[in-house]
Amino acid sequence: MELQVHGKTEIYLQLIKKVTDEGRTAIVLVPEISLTPQMLDRFISRFGKEEIAVLHSKLSIGERHDEWEKIRNGNVKIVIGARSAIFAPIENLGIIIIDEEHDSSYKSESNPKYDAKEVAKYIAKENNCPLVLGSATPDIATYYKALTRKNRITKAK
């Protein structure tokens, strides 16, 4: 599949379309501040509201539960959310995308402490799926690993 380049979000949308057309699912992590209605509208207009679950800190406990159940029951193909969305119980994972991967909000400062990027690397490896780290200004460690080809994730056999 040839990607038409029109910006990061469009590339993400095209990658997700390819994965969902193959019957697989996707997780998209964004910094909490980036989870804007405009961004969600682009995903909804492309895939439909019924295909997407959204997880973020502004949801009530009931809303979060409802979204989690939609995911767990296999009723959605795409999970979009902030850091904790990496733990969504989605099946048949085909891609993980971390937008603005340089953002410090991917590291939890409260207990339990975790780095969503590191968790995503593990999950991608276990699911034998690509992990896309997107940023106009990548983290210096990510940039170095990309230059030295050390960001290749392959599942051990």
N, C-alpha and C. Protein backbone atom coordinates (compact mmCIF):
# COMPACT_ATOMS: atom_id res chain seq x y z
N MET A 1 0.85 -1.18 0.00
CA MET A 1 0.00 0.00 0.00
C MET A 1 0.88 1.24 0.00
N GLU A 2 0.60 2.14 -0.88
CA GLU A 2 1.34 3.40 -0.93
C GLU A 2 0.61 4.43 -0.10
N LEU A 3 1.32 5.09 0.80
CA LEU A 3 0.71 6.11 1.65
C LEU A 3 0.74 7.46 0.97
N GLN A 4 -0.38 8.15 1.05
CA GLN A 4 -0.44 9.53 0.58
C GLN A 4 -0.07 10.41 1.77
N VAL A 5 0.96 11.20 1.65
CA VAL A 5 1.45 11.96 2.79
C VAL A 5 0.78 13.33 2.86
N HIS A 6 0.10 13.58 3.99
CA HIS A 6 -0.57 14.85 4.23
C HIS A 6 -0.42 15.27 5.68
N GLY A 7 0.56 14.78 6.38
CA GLY A 7 0.72 15.06 7.79
C GLY A 7 0.65 13.79 8.61
N LYS A 8 1.12 13.91 9.86
CA LYS A 8 1.19 12.75 10.74
C LYS A 8 -0.15 12.05 10.92
N THR A 9 -1.17 12.80 11.24
CA THR A 9 -2.46 12.18 11.53
C THR A 9 -2.98 11.43 10.32
N GLU A 10 -2.82 11.97 9.13
CA GLU A 10 -3.27 11.28 7.93
C GLU A 10 -2.49 9.99 7.73
N ILE A 11 -1.21 10.00 8.01
CA ILE A 11 -0.42 8.77 7.90
C ILE A 11 -0.94 7.74 8.90
N TYR A 12 -1.21 8.18 10.13
CA TYR A 12 -1.76 7.26 11.13
C TYR A 12 -3.08 6.67 10.64
N LEU A 13 -3.95 7.51 10.09
CA LEU A 13 -5.25 7.04 9.61
C LEU A 13 -5.09 5.99 8.51
N GLN A 14 -4.16 6.22 7.60
CA GLN A 14 -3.94 5.27 6.51
C GLN A 14 -3.35 3.96 7.03
N LEU A 15 -2.44 4.03 7.98
CA LEU A 15 -1.87 2.81 8.56
C LEU A 15 -2.96 2.01 9.29
N ILE A 16 -3.78 2.70 10.04
CA ILE A 16 -4.86 2.03 10.78
C ILE A 16 -5.86 1.40 9.81
N LYS A 17 -6.17 2.10 8.74
CA LYS A 17 -7.10 1.56 7.73
C LYS A 17 -6.56 0.26 7.16
N LYS A 18 -5.28 0.23 6.85
CA LYS A 18 -4.65 -0.98 6.32
C LYS A 18 -4.78 -2.12 7.32
N VAL A 19 -4.51 -1.85 8.58
CA VAL A 19 -4.57 -2.87 9.63
C VAL A 19 -6.00 -3.36 9.84
N THR A 20 -6.95 -2.43 9.92
CA THR A 20 -8.34 -2.84 10.16
C THR A 20 -8.93 -3.57 8.94
N ASP A 21 -8.48 -3.22 7.75
CA ASP A 21 -8.92 -3.94 6.56
C ASP A 21 -8.45 -5.40 6.60
N GLU A 22 -7.37 -5.65 7.33
CA GLU A 22 -6.85 -7.01 7.50
C GLU A 22 -7.51 -7.72 8.68
N GLY A 23 -8.49 -7.06 9.31
CA GLY A 23 -9.20 -7.67 10.42
C GLY A 23 -8.51 -7.53 11.77
N ARG A 24 -7.54 -6.65 11.84
CA ARG A 24 -6.81 -6.46 13.09
C ARG A 24 -7.22 -5.14 13.73
N THR A 25 -6.65 -4.86 14.90
CA THR A 25 -7.04 -3.68 15.68
C THR A 25 -5.85 -2.76 15.92
N ALA A 26 -6.14 -1.59 16.50
CA ALA A 26 -5.10 -0.57 16.69
C ALA A 26 -5.27 0.14 18.03
N ILE A 27 -4.14 0.55 18.59
CA ILE A 27 -4.11 1.44 19.74
C ILE A 27 -3.35 2.69 19.32
N VAL A 28 -3.94 3.86 19.62
CA VAL A 28 -3.30 5.13 19.34
C VAL A 28 -3.17 5.88 20.66
N LEU A 29 -1.94 6.15 21.06
CA LEU A 29 -1.69 6.93 22.27
C LEU A 29 -1.36 8.35 21.89
N VAL A 30 -1.96 9.27 22.62
CA VAL A 30 -1.68 10.69 22.42
C VAL A 30 -1.48 11.33 23.79
N PRO A 31 -0.69 12.39 23.86
CA PRO A 31 -0.62 13.11 25.14
C PRO A 31 -2.02 13.62 25.48
N GLU A 32 -2.36 13.64 26.73
CA GLU A 32 -3.70 14.06 27.17
C GLU A 32 -4.11 15.37 26.51
N ILE A 33 -3.20 16.30 26.43
CA ILE A 33 -3.50 17.63 25.87
C ILE A 33 -3.86 17.55 24.39
N SER A 34 -3.37 16.51 23.70
CA SER A 34 -3.61 16.37 22.25
C SER A 34 -4.93 15.69 21.94
N LEU A 35 -5.59 15.18 22.95
CA LEU A 35 -6.83 14.45 22.72
C LEU A 35 -7.97 15.45 22.54
N THR A 36 -7.94 16.14 21.42
CA THR A 36 -8.88 17.21 21.15
C THR A 36 -10.08 16.69 20.37
N PRO A 37 -11.20 17.38 20.46
CA PRO A 37 -12.37 16.99 19.66
C PRO A 37 -12.06 16.97 18.16
N GLN A 38 -11.22 17.90 17.69
CA GLN A 38 -10.89 17.94 16.26
C GLN A 38 -10.17 16.66 15.83
N MET A 39 -9.23 16.20 16.66
CA MET A 39 -8.49 14.99 16.33
C MET A 39 -9.42 13.79 16.36
N LEU A 40 -10.25 13.69 17.38
CA LEU A 40 -11.21 12.59 17.46
C LEU A 40 -12.18 12.61 16.29
N ASP A 41 -12.59 13.82 15.89
CA ASP A 41 -13.50 13.95 14.76
C ASP A 41 -12.90 13.36 13.48
N ARG A 42 -11.60 13.53 13.29
CA ARG A 42 -10.96 12.97 12.09
C ARG A 42 -11.02 11.44 12.11
N PHE A 43 -10.79 10.84 13.27
CA PHE A 43 -10.86 9.39 13.38
C PHE A 43 -12.30 8.90 13.20
N ILE A 44 -13.23 9.59 13.83
CA ILE A 44 -14.64 9.19 13.75
C ILE A 44 -15.15 9.33 12.32
N SER A 45 -14.79 10.43 11.63
CA SER A 45 -15.27 10.60 10.26
C SER A 45 -14.68 9.55 9.33
N ARG A 46 -13.49 9.04 9.63
CA ARG A 46 -12.86 8.02 8.78
C ARG A 46 -13.37 6.62 9.10
N PHE A 47 -13.55 6.30 10.39
CA PHE A 47 -13.85 4.92 10.77
C PHE A 47 -15.24 4.71 11.37
N GLY A 48 -15.90 5.79 11.79
CA GLY A 48 -17.20 5.66 12.43
C GLY A 48 -17.07 5.56 13.94
N LYS A 49 -17.98 6.20 14.63
CA LYS A 49 -17.94 6.26 16.09
C LYS A 49 -18.02 4.87 16.73
N GLU A 50 -18.77 3.97 16.10
CA GLU A 50 -18.95 2.64 16.67
C GLU A 50 -17.69 1.78 16.64
N GLU A 51 -16.69 2.19 15.86
CA GLU A 51 -15.44 1.42 15.75
C GLU A 51 -14.37 1.89 16.73
N ILE A 52 -14.65 2.96 17.49
CA ILE A 52 -13.62 3.62 18.29
C ILE A 52 -14.01 3.68 19.76
N ALA A 53 -13.05 3.36 20.62
CA ALA A 53 -13.19 3.58 22.06
C ALA A 53 -12.18 4.65 22.45
N VAL A 54 -12.59 5.53 23.34
CA VAL A 54 -11.72 6.62 23.79
C VAL A 54 -11.51 6.49 25.29
N LEU A 55 -10.24 6.52 25.72
CA LEU A 55 -9.90 6.42 27.14
C LEU A 55 -9.02 7.60 27.54
N HIS A 56 -9.49 8.39 28.51
CA HIS A 56 -8.70 9.50 29.03
C HIS A 56 -9.19 9.88 30.41
N SER A 57 -8.46 10.73 31.08
CA SER A 57 -8.73 11.05 32.48
C SER A 57 -9.98 11.88 32.71
N LYS A 58 -10.53 12.49 31.69
CA LYS A 58 -11.73 13.32 31.85
C LYS A 58 -13.02 12.50 31.87
N LEU A 59 -12.92 11.21 31.58
CA LEU A 59 -14.10 10.35 31.61
C LEU A 59 -14.49 10.05 33.05
N SER A 60 -15.79 9.94 33.28
CA SER A 60 -16.25 9.52 34.60
C SER A 60 -15.94 8.02 34.76
N ILE A 61 -16.05 7.52 35.96
CA ILE A 61 -15.80 6.10 36.19
C ILE A 61 -16.76 5.25 35.35
N GLY A 62 -18.02 5.66 35.27
CA GLY A 62 -19.00 4.94 34.47
C GLY A 62 -18.66 4.96 32.99
N GLU A 63 -18.27 6.13 32.48
CA GLU A 63 -17.89 6.24 31.06
C GLU A 63 -16.66 5.37 30.76
N ARG A 64 -15.70 5.41 31.66
CA ARG A 64 -14.48 4.61 31.47
C ARG A 64 -14.84 3.13 31.46
N HIS A 65 -15.72 2.72 32.36
CA HIS A 65 -16.16 1.32 32.41
C HIS A 65 -16.84 0.92 31.10
N ASP A 66 -17.72 1.78 30.60
CA ASP A 66 -18.42 1.49 29.34
C ASP A 66 -17.44 1.33 28.18
N GLU A 67 -16.47 2.22 28.10
CA GLU A 67 -15.47 2.14 27.02
C GLU A 67 -14.65 0.86 27.16
N TRP A 68 -14.25 0.55 28.39
CA TRP A 68 -13.45 -0.65 28.66
C TRP A 68 -14.23 -1.91 28.24
N GLU A 69 -15.51 -1.95 28.55
CA GLU A 69 -16.34 -3.11 28.19
C GLU A 69 -16.48 -3.24 26.67
N LYS A 70 -16.64 -2.10 25.96
CA LYS A 70 -16.69 -2.15 24.50
C LYS A 70 -15.42 -2.78 23.95
N ILE A 71 -14.30 -2.42 24.53
CA ILE A 71 -13.01 -2.96 24.08
C ILE A 71 -12.93 -4.44 24.40
N ARG A 72 -13.20 -4.77 25.65
CA ARG A 72 -13.07 -6.16 26.13
C ARG A 72 -13.99 -7.11 25.35
N ASN A 73 -15.16 -6.63 24.98
CA ASN A 73 -16.11 -7.45 24.24
C ASN A 73 -15.84 -7.51 22.74
N GLY A 74 -14.79 -6.83 22.28
CA GLY A 74 -14.44 -6.87 20.86
C GLY A 74 -15.34 -6.04 19.98
N ASN A 75 -15.99 -5.02 20.55
CA ASN A 75 -16.93 -4.20 19.79
C ASN A 75 -16.28 -3.01 19.09
N VAL A 76 -14.98 -2.81 19.27
CA VAL A 76 -14.29 -1.71 18.61
C VAL A 76 -13.01 -2.22 17.96
N LYS A 77 -12.55 -1.48 16.97
CA LYS A 77 -11.31 -1.83 16.28
C LYS A 77 -10.16 -0.91 16.66
N ILE A 78 -10.50 0.26 17.21
CA ILE A 78 -9.48 1.28 17.48
C ILE A 78 -9.67 1.82 18.89
N VAL A 79 -8.58 1.87 19.64
CA VAL A 79 -8.59 2.49 20.96
C VAL A 79 -7.70 3.73 20.87
N ILE A 80 -8.26 4.87 21.24
CA ILE A 80 -7.51 6.12 21.26
C ILE A 80 -7.52 6.63 22.68
N GLY A 81 -6.34 7.01 23.16
CA GLY A 81 -6.33 7.53 24.51
C GLY A 81 -4.96 7.99 24.97
N ALA A 82 -4.96 8.45 26.19
CA ALA A 82 -3.74 8.88 26.83
C ALA A 82 -2.98 7.65 27.33
N ARG A 83 -1.95 7.90 28.09
CA ARG A 83 -1.00 6.89 28.56
C ARG A 83 -1.62 5.54 28.95
N SER A 84 -2.63 5.53 29.79
CA SER A 84 -3.16 4.27 30.31
C SER A 84 -3.90 3.44 29.27
N ALA A 85 -4.22 4.01 28.12
CA ALA A 85 -4.90 3.26 27.07
C ALA A 85 -4.04 2.11 26.54
N ILE A 86 -2.75 2.13 26.82
CA ILE A 86 -1.88 1.04 26.38
C ILE A 86 -2.28 -0.28 27.04
N PHE A 87 -2.98 -0.20 28.17
CA PHE A 87 -3.41 -1.41 28.88
C PHE A 87 -4.78 -1.91 28.45
N ALA A 88 -5.37 -1.29 27.44
CA ALA A 88 -6.71 -1.68 26.97
C ALA A 88 -6.70 -3.16 26.57
N PRO A 89 -7.76 -3.88 26.90
CA PRO A 89 -7.81 -5.32 26.63
C PRO A 89 -8.25 -5.65 25.19
N ILE A 90 -7.58 -5.06 24.23
CA ILE A 90 -7.96 -5.24 22.83
C ILE A 90 -7.30 -6.52 22.28
N GLU A 91 -8.04 -7.22 21.46
CA GLU A 91 -7.57 -8.47 20.87
C GLU A 91 -7.09 -8.24 19.44
N ASN A 92 -6.25 -9.17 18.97
CA ASN A 92 -5.81 -9.18 17.57
C ASN A 92 -5.15 -7.86 17.17
N LEU A 93 -4.26 -7.40 18.01
CA LEU A 93 -3.61 -6.10 17.82
C LEU A 93 -2.72 -6.11 16.57
N GLY A 94 -2.93 -5.10 15.72
CA GLY A 94 -2.18 -5.01 14.47
C GLY A 94 -1.21 -3.86 14.41
N ILE A 95 -1.38 -2.83 15.27
CA ILE A 95 -0.47 -1.69 15.27
C ILE A 95 -0.68 -0.88 16.55
N ILE A 96 0.42 -0.32 17.03
CA ILE A 96 0.37 0.65 18.12
C ILE A 96 1.03 1.92 17.60
N ILE A 97 0.36 3.04 17.78
CA ILE A 97 0.91 4.33 17.37
C ILE A 97 1.00 5.21 18.60
N ILE A 98 2.18 5.80 18.79
CA ILE A 98 2.36 6.76 19.88
C ILE A 98 2.67 8.11 19.24
N ASP A 99 1.69 9.00 19.30
CA ASP A 99 1.85 10.34 18.72
C ASP A 99 2.60 11.22 19.72
N GLU A 100 3.40 12.12 19.20
CA GLU A 100 4.20 13.03 20.04
C GLU A 100 4.99 12.22 21.07
N GLU A 101 5.70 11.22 20.57
CA GLU A 101 6.37 10.26 21.44
C GLU A 101 7.38 10.90 22.40
N HIS A 102 7.79 12.09 22.12
CA HIS A 102 8.76 12.79 22.97
C HIS A 102 8.12 13.36 24.24
N ASP A 103 6.79 13.39 24.29
CA ASP A 103 6.09 14.05 25.39
C ASP A 103 6.32 13.31 26.71
N SER A 104 6.62 14.06 27.75
CA SER A 104 6.92 13.47 29.06
C SER A 104 5.70 12.85 29.73
N SER A 105 4.50 13.14 29.24
CA SER A 105 3.29 12.60 29.87
C SER A 105 3.15 11.09 29.69
N TYR A 106 3.99 10.47 28.86
CA TYR A 106 3.93 9.02 28.70
C TYR A 106 4.56 8.29 29.88
N LYS A 107 5.26 9.02 30.73
CA LYS A 107 5.83 8.43 31.94
C LYS A 107 4.95 8.78 33.13
N SER A 108 4.48 7.75 33.81
CA SER A 108 3.64 7.95 34.98
C SER A 108 4.51 8.34 36.17
N GLU A 109 4.11 9.40 36.84
CA GLU A 109 4.84 9.85 38.03
C GLU A 109 4.21 9.33 39.32
N SER A 110 2.98 8.83 39.21
CA SER A 110 2.31 8.29 40.40
C SER A 110 2.35 6.76 40.34
N ASN A 111 2.08 6.14 41.46
CA ASN A 111 2.11 4.68 41.52
C ASN A 111 0.86 4.10 40.87
N PRO A 112 0.99 3.06 40.11
CA PRO A 112 2.24 2.41 39.74
C PRO A 112 2.96 3.20 38.65
N LYS A 113 4.25 3.37 38.82
CA LYS A 113 5.05 4.11 37.84
C LYS A 113 5.35 3.22 36.65
N TYR A 114 5.17 3.77 35.47
CA TYR A 114 5.48 3.03 34.25
C TYR A 114 5.72 4.02 33.13
N ASP A 115 6.39 3.55 32.10
CA ASP A 115 6.64 4.32 30.89
C ASP A 115 5.81 3.66 29.78
N ALA A 116 4.78 4.36 29.31
CA ALA A 116 3.88 3.79 28.29
C ALA A 116 4.63 3.39 27.03
N LYS A 117 5.70 4.10 26.69
CA LYS A 117 6.48 3.73 25.50
C LYS A 117 7.14 2.37 25.69
N GLU A 118 7.68 2.12 26.87
CA GLU A 118 8.31 0.83 27.15
C GLU A 118 7.27 -0.29 27.18
N VAL A 119 6.12 -0.03 27.78
CA VAL A 119 5.04 -1.01 27.79
C VAL A 119 4.60 -1.30 26.36
N ALA A 120 4.48 -0.25 25.54
CA ALA A 120 4.06 -0.42 24.15
C ALA A 120 5.08 -1.26 23.38
N LYS A 121 6.36 -1.06 23.62
CA LYS A 121 7.39 -1.87 22.95
C LYS A 121 7.20 -3.34 23.28
N TYR A 122 6.94 -3.64 24.54
CA TYR A 122 6.73 -5.02 24.97
C TYR A 122 5.48 -5.60 24.31
N ILE A 123 4.39 -4.86 24.36
CA ILE A 123 3.12 -5.34 23.78
C ILE A 123 3.25 -5.54 22.27
N ALA A 124 3.92 -4.63 21.60
CA ALA A 124 4.12 -4.76 20.15
C ALA A 124 4.92 -6.02 19.83
N LYS A 125 5.95 -6.25 20.61
CA LYS A 125 6.77 -7.45 20.40
C LYS A 125 5.96 -8.72 20.63
N GLU A 126 5.19 -8.75 21.70
CA GLU A 126 4.37 -9.92 22.02
C GLU A 126 3.30 -10.17 20.97
N ASN A 127 2.79 -9.12 20.36
CA ASN A 127 1.75 -9.24 19.35
C ASN A 127 2.28 -9.26 17.92
N ASN A 128 3.60 -9.20 17.81
CA ASN A 128 4.26 -9.21 16.51
C ASN A 128 3.63 -8.16 15.59
N CYS A 129 3.52 -6.93 16.12
CA CYS A 129 2.93 -5.84 15.34
C CYS A 129 3.84 -4.62 15.40
N PRO A 130 3.70 -3.74 14.43
CA PRO A 130 4.55 -2.55 14.43
C PRO A 130 4.17 -1.56 15.53
N LEU A 131 5.18 -0.86 16.00
CA LEU A 131 5.03 0.26 16.92
C LEU A 131 5.54 1.48 16.19
N VAL A 132 4.66 2.46 16.01
CA VAL A 132 5.03 3.69 15.33
C VAL A 132 5.20 4.78 16.38
N LEU A 133 6.40 5.36 16.43
CA LEU A 133 6.69 6.47 17.33
C LEU A 133 6.72 7.73 16.49
N GLY A 134 5.69 8.54 16.60
CA GLY A 134 5.57 9.73 15.77
C GLY A 134 5.90 11.00 16.53
N SER A 135 6.61 11.90 15.87
CA SER A 135 6.93 13.19 16.47
C SER A 135 7.63 14.07 15.45
N ALA A 136 7.31 15.35 15.47
CA ALA A 136 8.07 16.30 14.65
C ALA A 136 9.39 16.62 15.34
N THR A 137 9.42 16.42 16.66
CA THR A 137 10.63 16.69 17.46
C THR A 137 10.87 15.48 18.36
N PRO A 138 11.42 14.38 17.80
CA PRO A 138 11.54 13.14 18.56
C PRO A 138 12.45 13.27 19.78
N ASP A 139 12.18 12.41 20.74
CA ASP A 139 13.06 12.25 21.90
C ASP A 139 14.46 11.92 21.37
N ILE A 140 15.48 12.46 21.98
CA ILE A 140 16.85 12.28 21.49
C ILE A 140 17.25 10.81 21.48
N ALA A 141 16.81 10.05 22.49
CA ALA A 141 17.13 8.62 22.53
C ALA A 141 16.44 7.88 21.38
N THR A 142 15.20 8.22 21.10
CA THR A 142 14.47 7.61 19.99
C THR A 142 15.15 7.95 18.67
N TYR A 143 15.53 9.20 18.52
CA TYR A 143 16.19 9.65 17.29
C TYR A 143 17.51 8.88 17.08
N TYR A 144 18.29 8.75 18.12
CA TYR A 144 19.56 8.02 18.02
C TYR A 144 19.32 6.56 17.64
N LYS A 145 18.35 5.94 18.30
CA LYS A 145 18.05 4.53 18.00
C LYS A 145 17.58 4.36 16.56
N ALA A 146 16.83 5.32 16.06
CA ALA A 146 16.38 5.26 14.67
C ALA A 146 17.56 5.39 13.72
N LEU A 147 18.48 6.30 14.02
CA LEU A 147 19.66 6.49 13.17
C LEU A 147 20.54 5.25 13.16
N THR A 148 20.64 4.59 14.30
CA THR A 148 21.52 3.42 14.40
C THR A 148 20.76 2.11 14.21
N ARG A 149 19.48 2.24 13.81
CA ARG A 149 18.61 1.09 13.53
C ARG A 149 18.44 0.19 14.74
N LYS A 150 18.46 0.77 15.92
CA LYS A 150 18.28 -0.01 17.15
C LYS A 150 16.84 -0.02 17.62
N ASN A 151 15.93 0.55 16.85
CA ASN A 151 14.53 0.55 17.25
C ASN A 151 13.74 -0.54 16.54
N ARG A 152 14.42 -1.48 15.95
CA ARG A 152 13.73 -2.58 15.30
C ARG A 152 13.21 -3.52 16.38
N ILE A 153 11.94 -3.77 16.37
CA ILE A 153 11.33 -4.66 17.35
C ILE A 153 10.96 -5.95 16.65
N THR A 154 11.56 -7.02 17.08
CA THR A 154 11.21 -8.32 16.52
C THR A 154 10.91 -9.27 17.66
N LYS A 155 9.92 -10.07 17.46
CA LYS A 155 9.52 -11.03 18.48
C LYS A 155 10.50 -12.19 18.49
N ALA A 156 10.93 -12.56 19.68
CA ALA A 156 11.82 -13.71 19.82
C ALA A 156 11.05 -14.99 19.48
N LYS A 157 11.72 -15.91 18.83
CA LYS A 157 11.06 -17.17 18.44
C LYS A 157 11.34 -18.24 19.45
